[in-house]
């Protein structure tokens, strides 16, 4: 069955698809953005002093190799895991390591969820992973040691890496081909909006445990609408689950008020059920796996280039976003700007893609971002505003 044709008949961007995109998946993307980048604020590095005695307090002093600082005093009006567990001086690297644990989780979660969603269904993987994401993010502010915290962060990364991938696929597979690029822009912009919301909430809530809890509680709402979601028509068609597929298309037609379109599908020249159940021998499908991407020379080259591009862009994007606290003097403004500057870039990229094509647009943006990175290496340290501007250009 041609799923795109079926969606065109029952509505390729009707009420159900808009509800799915704007009321369900967009809030999930905002939630995920906040959770992935939570350490920008909850792991913020504070100004500190070493209190050697009641009257001997030395700003920024870490002690010596033989005599460590007995007590740190923090001078900021916020708390973070750094102030909670004294992650300064020789232990400051542990903050970055916590981010590494999160990203390692994402690295493992995405391929696992991709495989599982192809085998068991998009909804069957998305729903439990989303529920577990909410549970573990709620556990995060109640951890009592650094190692408990990073363990929870690793699990959160694994779950978000999986459910964010599946939610994107689930959404696009409900849309007609001409609306998928628009959905990609909306979801990408939602991630940026999540950063801006997090910066705003963090500005008013300076305690890291309270902040973590407040930005996580809305996730409970996601547990309430599981039964409102439908399985992907494309996945059902690929698995030859025709009865379930027809029920999904009927539900979409009802919500989109396109019952006549569904009737048309059911009354085509040849019975729809016969078309779906009788598979010509020439169209017997072969099971494919990840290794097929590397089996053929041309496909292998494209795959490796794409992996490299994603790796480079991911390192630069998350490296700059996670380091927003070190850009400029106000961590909240820097984080908010890092999200704000993304939004127009998605619309510019969409316009250029339609005019210049994929290759020229991609190369131009990467060259511009690389040039901005190179310029930053030679900027004087006292030009903070210029440094922030080039960093935002790279994002």
Protein backbone atom coordinates (compact mmCIF):
# COMPACT_ATOMS: atom_id res chain seq x y z
CA UNK A 1 0.00 0.00 0.00
CA UNK A 2 1.19 3.52 -0.77
CA UNK A 3 1.06 5.17 2.65
CA UNK A 4 1.57 8.67 1.23
CA UNK A 5 -1.46 8.14 -1.01
CA UNK A 6 -3.51 6.89 1.95
CA UNK A 7 -2.49 9.91 4.05
CA UNK A 8 -3.41 12.24 1.21
CA UNK A 9 -6.92 10.75 1.23
CA UNK A 10 -7.47 10.92 5.01
CA UNK A 11 -5.51 14.15 5.50
CA UNK A 12 -1.73 14.55 5.38
CA UNK A 13 -1.68 17.59 7.70
CA UNK A 14 -5.09 17.76 9.28
CA UNK A 15 -6.29 18.14 12.85
CA UNK A 16 -4.70 14.90 14.08
CA UNK A 17 -1.26 15.69 12.64
CA UNK A 18 -1.36 19.24 14.00
CA UNK A 19 -2.39 17.94 17.41
CA UNK A 20 0.41 15.38 17.32
CA UNK A 21 3.03 17.94 16.28
CA UNK A 22 2.08 20.99 18.34
CA UNK A 23 0.36 19.56 21.44
CA UNK A 24 2.30 16.34 21.96
CA UNK A 25 5.72 16.10 20.33
CA UNK A 26 6.70 19.80 20.47
CA UNK A 27 6.31 19.93 24.30
CA UNK A 28 8.28 16.68 24.52
CA UNK A 29 11.10 18.25 22.48
CA UNK A 30 11.12 21.33 24.73
CA UNK A 31 11.26 19.04 27.77
CA UNK A 32 14.14 17.04 26.26
CA UNK A 33 16.12 20.19 25.45
CA UNK A 34 15.90 21.32 29.07
CA UNK A 35 16.93 17.93 30.40
CA UNK A 36 19.88 17.50 28.01
CA UNK A 37 21.23 20.97 28.76
CA UNK A 38 20.28 21.04 32.43
CA UNK A 39 23.91 21.06 33.57
CA UNK A 40 24.45 24.48 32.00
CA UNK A 41 22.78 25.92 35.13
CA UNK A 42 22.70 23.07 37.65
CA UNK A 43 26.40 22.48 36.97
CA UNK A 44 27.41 26.16 36.82
CA UNK A 45 30.91 26.90 38.09
CA UNK A 46 30.77 29.41 40.97
CA UNK A 47 33.21 32.01 42.23
CA UNK A 48 34.79 30.68 45.39
CA UNK A 49 37.18 31.48 48.18
CA UNK A 50 39.18 29.24 50.47
CA UNK A 51 38.59 29.76 54.17
CA UNK A 52 41.83 28.76 55.86
CA UNK A 53 40.76 30.22 59.18
CA UNK A 54 38.15 32.55 60.57
CA UNK A 55 40.10 35.60 59.44
CA UNK A 56 42.03 34.13 56.49
CA UNK A 57 39.81 33.86 53.41
CA UNK A 58 41.56 33.74 50.03
CA UNK A 59 39.55 34.25 46.81
CA UNK A 60 40.14 31.56 44.19
CA UNK A 61 42.73 29.75 46.32
CA UNK A 62 42.85 25.96 45.90
CA UNK A 63 45.56 25.14 48.37
CA UNK A 64 48.74 23.21 47.62
CA UNK A 65 49.49 19.61 46.76
CA UNK A 66 50.20 18.82 50.40
CA UNK A 67 47.65 21.14 52.05
CA UNK A 68 44.27 21.23 50.38
CA UNK A 69 41.75 23.92 51.14
CA UNK A 70 39.82 22.84 54.28
CA UNK A 71 36.64 24.75 53.40
CA UNK A 72 35.32 26.47 50.31
CA UNK A 73 33.09 29.52 50.53
CA UNK A 74 30.98 30.36 47.49
CA UNK A 75 30.28 33.92 46.49
CA UNK A 76 27.44 33.48 44.00
CA UNK A 77 23.71 33.85 44.51
CA UNK A 78 23.00 30.36 43.13
CA UNK A 79 23.68 26.76 44.04
CA UNK A 80 24.80 23.99 41.72
CA UNK A 81 26.30 20.53 41.94
CA UNK A 82 29.64 22.35 42.17
CA UNK A 83 28.63 24.10 45.40
CA UNK A 84 26.87 20.95 46.66
CA UNK A 85 29.87 18.64 46.34
CA UNK A 86 32.78 21.14 46.14
CA UNK A 87 33.51 20.48 42.46
CA UNK A 88 36.12 23.21 42.14
CA UNK A 89 39.87 23.34 41.67
CA UNK A 90 41.12 19.78 41.09
CA UNK A 91 37.56 18.40 41.08
CA UNK A 92 36.13 20.89 38.58
CA UNK A 93 36.55 18.40 35.73
CA UNK A 94 33.82 16.25 37.29
CA UNK A 95 31.18 18.76 36.08
CA UNK A 96 32.22 18.22 32.47
CA UNK A 97 32.38 14.49 33.15
CA UNK A 98 28.72 14.55 34.20
CA UNK A 99 27.88 15.97 30.76
CA UNK A 100 29.99 13.22 29.19
CA UNK A 101 27.93 10.60 31.00
CA UNK A 102 24.75 12.17 29.62
CA UNK A 103 26.08 12.20 26.07
CA UNK A 104 27.35 8.63 26.41
CA UNK A 105 23.82 7.63 27.32
CA UNK A 106 22.47 9.38 24.24
CA UNK A 107 25.10 7.64 22.10
CA UNK A 108 23.87 4.24 23.26
CA UNK A 109 20.17 5.04 23.53
CA UNK A 110 19.63 6.31 19.98
CA UNK A 111 20.78 3.18 18.08
CA UNK A 112 19.05 0.89 20.57
CA UNK A 113 15.73 2.72 20.21
CA UNK A 114 16.11 2.87 16.43
CA UNK A 115 16.52 -0.90 16.25
CA UNK A 116 13.75 -1.57 18.77
CA UNK A 117 11.29 0.84 17.10
CA UNK A 118 11.83 -0.86 13.75
CA UNK A 119 11.20 -4.26 15.27
CA UNK A 120 8.46 -3.66 17.84
CA UNK A 121 6.81 -0.44 16.68
CA UNK A 122 7.33 3.29 17.20
CA UNK A 123 4.68 3.73 19.89
CA UNK A 124 5.67 0.64 21.86
CA UNK A 125 9.17 2.05 22.30
CA UNK A 126 8.38 5.75 22.60
CA UNK A 127 5.75 5.41 25.33
CA UNK A 128 7.77 3.38 27.90
CA UNK A 129 10.97 5.32 27.24
CA UNK A 130 9.12 8.61 27.71
CA UNK A 131 7.60 7.34 30.97
CA UNK A 132 11.00 6.22 32.25
CA UNK A 133 12.53 9.55 31.21
CA UNK A 134 10.04 11.39 33.41
CA UNK A 135 10.69 9.02 36.33
CA UNK A 136 14.48 9.32 36.20
CA UNK A 137 14.46 13.08 35.69
CA UNK A 138 12.30 13.32 38.81
CA UNK A 139 14.92 11.27 40.68
CA UNK A 140 17.76 13.58 39.65
CA UNK A 141 17.14 16.43 42.16
CA UNK A 142 16.94 13.92 45.02
CA UNK A 143 20.34 12.30 44.47
CA UNK A 144 22.63 12.53 47.49
CA UNK A 145 26.08 12.04 45.97
CA UNK A 146 27.91 12.94 42.80
CA UNK A 147 28.08 9.30 41.69
CA UNK A 148 24.35 8.83 42.18
CA UNK A 149 23.80 11.99 40.15
CA UNK A 150 25.96 10.97 37.17
CA UNK A 151 24.45 7.46 37.17
CA UNK A 152 20.98 8.96 36.87
CA UNK A 153 22.23 11.39 34.20
CA UNK A 154 23.57 8.47 32.14
CA UNK A 155 20.18 6.72 32.26
CA UNK A 156 18.42 9.98 31.38
CA UNK A 157 20.73 10.41 28.39
CA UNK A 158 20.04 6.84 27.24
CA UNK A 159 16.27 7.33 27.49
CA UNK A 160 16.18 10.77 25.86
CA UNK A 161 18.50 9.63 23.08
CA UNK A 162 15.99 6.92 22.31
CA UNK A 163 12.61 8.56 22.77
CA UNK A 164 13.60 11.81 21.02
CA UNK A 165 14.67 9.87 17.93
CA UNK A 166 11.52 7.74 17.89
CA UNK A 167 9.23 10.73 18.52
CA UNK A 168 10.71 12.51 15.49
CA UNK A 169 10.25 9.46 13.26
CA UNK A 170 6.74 8.85 14.60
CA UNK A 171 5.73 12.43 13.82
CA UNK A 172 7.12 12.58 10.29
CA UNK A 173 5.56 9.24 9.36
CA UNK A 174 2.10 10.69 10.00
CA UNK A 175 2.73 13.63 7.67
CA UNK A 176 2.56 14.00 3.92
CA UNK A 177 5.94 14.36 2.20
CA UNK A 178 5.60 18.12 1.63
CA UNK A 179 5.01 18.81 5.34
CA UNK A 180 7.96 16.87 6.76
CA UNK A 181 10.49 19.65 6.27
CA UNK A 182 8.16 22.04 8.10
CA UNK A 183 7.83 19.57 10.97
CA UNK A 184 11.62 19.30 11.18
CA UNK A 185 11.87 23.08 11.50
CA UNK A 186 9.19 23.17 14.21
CA UNK A 187 10.87 20.45 16.27
CA UNK A 188 14.33 21.96 15.87
CA UNK A 189 13.00 25.38 16.88
CA UNK A 190 11.28 23.72 19.85
CA UNK A 191 14.67 22.59 21.14
CA UNK A 192 15.90 26.19 20.97
CA UNK A 193 12.75 27.41 22.71
CA UNK A 194 13.46 24.89 25.46
CA UNK A 195 16.84 26.52 26.09
CA UNK A 196 15.22 29.94 26.32
CA UNK A 197 12.56 28.71 28.75
CA UNK A 198 15.20 27.02 30.88
CA UNK A 199 17.24 30.23 31.04
CA UNK A 200 14.15 32.19 32.13
CA UNK A 201 13.13 29.69 34.82
CA UNK A 202 16.73 29.41 36.02
CA UNK A 203 16.95 33.18 36.40
CA UNK A 204 14.17 33.14 39.00
CA UNK A 205 15.04 29.82 40.68
CA UNK A 206 18.66 29.80 41.83
CA UNK A 207 18.67 26.57 43.89
CA UNK A 208 19.74 23.69 41.64
CA UNK A 209 17.55 21.03 43.24
CA UNK A 210 14.44 23.19 43.10
CA UNK A 211 15.21 24.24 39.53
CA UNK A 212 15.71 20.64 38.43
CA UNK A 213 12.42 19.61 40.02
CA UNK A 214 10.41 22.54 38.60
CA UNK A 215 11.54 21.97 35.00
CA UNK A 216 10.84 18.24 35.34
CA UNK A 217 7.36 18.23 36.88
CA UNK A 218 5.59 19.18 33.59
CA UNK A 219 6.80 15.86 32.20
CA UNK A 220 4.14 14.10 34.27
CA UNK A 221 1.56 15.45 31.81
CA UNK A 222 3.13 13.37 29.04
CA UNK A 223 2.09 10.21 30.87
CA UNK A 224 -1.56 11.17 30.52
CA UNK A 225 -1.87 11.22 26.74
CA UNK A 226 -0.30 7.89 25.78
CA UNK A 227 -3.64 6.42 24.68
CA UNK A 228 -4.29 9.42 22.44
CA UNK A 229 -1.34 8.49 20.22
CA UNK A 230 -1.50 6.07 17.30
CA UNK A 231 1.03 3.68 15.83
CA UNK A 232 2.88 4.79 12.70
CA UNK A 233 1.00 3.92 9.47
CA UNK A 234 4.32 3.44 7.67
CA UNK A 235 5.53 0.92 10.26
CA UNK A 236 2.22 -0.96 10.25
CA UNK A 237 2.29 -1.12 6.45
CA UNK A 238 5.86 -2.37 6.42
CA UNK A 239 4.96 -5.11 8.92
CA UNK A 240 1.83 -6.07 6.91
CA UNK A 241 -0.46 -5.37 9.87
CA UNK A 242 -3.27 -4.30 7.62
CA UNK A 243 -6.15 -4.53 10.08
CA UNK A 244 -4.40 -2.23 12.54
CA UNK A 245 -3.37 0.05 9.69
CA UNK A 246 -6.95 0.45 8.53
CA UNK A 247 -8.11 1.28 12.07
CA UNK A 248 -5.40 3.95 12.35
CA UNK A 249 -6.37 5.48 9.00
CA UNK A 250 -10.02 5.45 10.03
CA UNK A 251 -9.19 7.24 13.30
CA UNK A 252 -7.17 9.88 11.41
CA UNK A 253 -10.00 10.41 8.94
CA UNK A 254 -12.47 10.87 11.79
CA UNK A 255 -10.32 13.49 13.51
CA UNK A 256 -9.50 15.22 10.24
CA UNK A 257 -13.14 15.13 9.17
CA UNK A 258 -12.24 13.29 5.95
CA UNK A 259 -14.48 10.24 6.21
CA UNK A 260 -15.12 10.37 2.47
CA UNK A 261 -11.41 9.98 1.85
CA UNK A 262 -11.34 6.82 3.95
CA UNK A 263 -14.40 5.49 2.12
CA UNK A 264 -12.61 6.14 -1.16
CA UNK A 265 -9.67 4.06 0.01
CA UNK A 266 -12.02 1.25 0.97
CA UNK A 267 -13.89 1.32 -2.33
CA UNK A 268 -11.09 1.48 -4.85
CA UNK A 269 -11.21 -0.59 -8.03
CA UNK A 270 -9.64 -3.60 -6.30
CA UNK A 271 -10.46 -4.40 -2.69
CA UNK A 272 -7.93 -2.70 -0.42
CA UNK A 273 -7.64 -5.75 1.76
CA UNK A 274 -6.82 -7.90 -1.26
CA UNK A 275 -4.16 -5.44 -2.37
CA UNK A 276 -2.54 -5.58 1.05
CA UNK A 277 -2.74 -9.30 1.69
CA UNK A 278 -1.68 -10.56 -1.74
CA UNK A 279 2.03 -9.81 -2.14
CA UNK A 280 3.50 -10.57 -5.60
CA UNK A 281 6.52 -12.84 -5.54
CA UNK A 282 8.54 -10.11 -7.25
CA UNK A 283 7.97 -7.82 -4.26
CA UNK A 284 9.11 -10.14 -1.50
CA UNK A 285 11.04 -7.94 0.85
CA UNK A 286 14.45 -8.65 2.31
CA UNK A 287 15.32 -7.80 5.87
CA UNK A 288 18.00 -5.15 6.13
CA UNK A 289 20.22 -4.07 8.99
CA UNK A 290 22.69 -1.33 9.90
CA UNK A 291 25.62 -3.09 8.22
CA UNK A 292 23.96 -2.71 4.82
CA UNK A 293 24.97 0.97 4.95
CA UNK A 294 28.61 -0.11 4.69
CA UNK A 295 28.22 -3.00 2.24
CA UNK A 296 28.31 -0.96 -0.97
CA UNK A 297 31.05 1.51 -1.85
CA UNK A 298 28.85 4.49 -2.80
CA UNK A 299 26.52 4.03 0.15
CA UNK A 300 29.46 3.50 2.50
CA UNK A 301 31.05 6.78 1.41
CA UNK A 302 27.83 8.74 1.94
CA UNK A 303 27.27 7.12 5.34
CA UNK A 304 30.79 7.90 6.60
CA UNK A 305 30.60 11.51 5.39
CA UNK A 306 27.24 11.98 7.10
CA UNK A 307 28.55 10.44 10.34
CA UNK A 308 31.53 12.77 10.27
CA UNK A 309 29.35 15.83 9.63
CA UNK A 310 26.96 14.93 12.44
CA UNK A 311 29.87 14.29 14.80
CA UNK A 312 31.51 17.65 14.05
CA UNK A 313 28.26 19.61 14.26
CA UNK A 314 27.27 17.82 17.46
CA UNK A 315 30.62 18.55 19.13
CA UNK A 316 30.51 22.24 18.21
CA UNK A 317 26.82 22.74 18.96
CA UNK A 318 26.71 21.00 22.34
CA UNK A 319 30.20 22.18 23.24
CA UNK A 320 29.13 25.82 22.83
CA UNK A 321 25.67 25.33 24.35
CA UNK A 322 26.99 23.51 27.40
CA UNK A 323 29.63 26.22 27.79
CA UNK A 324 27.11 29.06 27.67
CA UNK A 325 28.03 29.92 31.25
CA UNK A 326 31.53 30.85 30.11
CA UNK A 327 30.31 33.18 27.35
CA UNK A 328 29.82 36.70 28.61
CA UNK A 329 29.19 37.77 32.17
CA UNK A 330 25.58 36.67 32.57
CA UNK A 331 25.00 32.93 32.27
CA UNK A 332 21.23 33.33 31.86
CA UNK A 333 21.45 35.84 29.02
CA UNK A 334 24.11 33.77 27.26
CA UNK A 335 21.98 30.62 27.46
CA UNK A 336 18.87 32.45 26.28
CA UNK A 337 20.73 34.00 23.34
CA UNK A 338 22.16 30.62 22.34
CA UNK A 339 18.59 29.40 21.89
CA UNK A 340 17.22 32.60 20.37
CA UNK A 341 19.84 32.79 17.63
CA UNK A 342 18.95 29.30 16.41
CA UNK A 343 15.34 30.04 15.48
CA UNK A 344 15.93 32.34 12.46
CA UNK A 345 18.71 30.04 11.25
CA UNK A 346 16.24 27.19 10.69
CA UNK A 347 14.03 29.33 8.46
CA UNK A 348 17.03 30.73 6.59
CA UNK A 349 18.35 27.20 6.03
CA UNK A 350 14.93 26.02 4.83
CA UNK A 351 14.77 28.88 2.30
CA UNK A 352 18.31 28.29 1.05
CA UNK A 353 17.69 24.54 0.71
CA UNK A 354 14.85 25.22 -1.69
CA UNK A 355 16.95 27.72 -3.66
CA UNK A 356 20.52 26.42 -3.56
CA UNK A 357 20.09 22.74 -2.84
CA UNK A 358 21.41 20.53 -0.03
CA UNK A 359 25.11 20.38 -0.84
CA UNK A 360 25.82 24.09 -1.32
CA UNK A 361 23.72 25.10 1.70
CA UNK A 362 25.40 22.56 3.97
CA UNK A 363 28.91 23.46 2.82
CA UNK A 364 28.23 27.18 3.19
CA UNK A 365 26.93 26.90 6.74
CA UNK A 366 29.77 24.63 7.83
CA UNK A 367 32.40 26.90 6.31
CA UNK A 368 30.84 29.93 7.99
CA UNK A 369 30.68 28.13 11.35
CA UNK A 370 34.26 26.87 10.99
CA UNK A 371 35.48 30.37 10.16
CA UNK A 372 33.75 31.74 13.27
CA UNK A 373 35.46 29.06 15.39
CA UNK A 374 38.84 29.96 13.91
CA UNK A 375 38.35 33.71 14.53
CA UNK A 376 37.53 33.05 18.20
CA UNK A 377 41.00 31.57 18.72
CA UNK A 378 42.59 34.94 17.99
CA UNK A 379 40.18 37.24 19.83
CA UNK A 380 41.61 39.18 22.79
CA UNK A 381 40.20 37.99 26.12
CA UNK A 382 38.93 41.47 26.99
CA UNK A 383 36.53 41.53 24.00
CA UNK A 384 33.73 39.50 25.61
CA UNK A 385 30.88 40.86 23.51
CA UNK A 386 32.69 40.07 20.25
CA UNK A 387 33.50 36.58 21.54
CA UNK A 388 29.85 35.95 22.40
CA UNK A 389 28.80 37.18 18.96
CA UNK A 390 31.11 34.75 17.13
CA UNK A 391 30.09 31.90 19.43
CA UNK A 392 26.43 32.52 18.64
CA UNK A 393 27.26 32.63 14.92
CA UNK A 394 28.79 29.16 15.23
CA UNK A 395 25.65 27.79 16.91
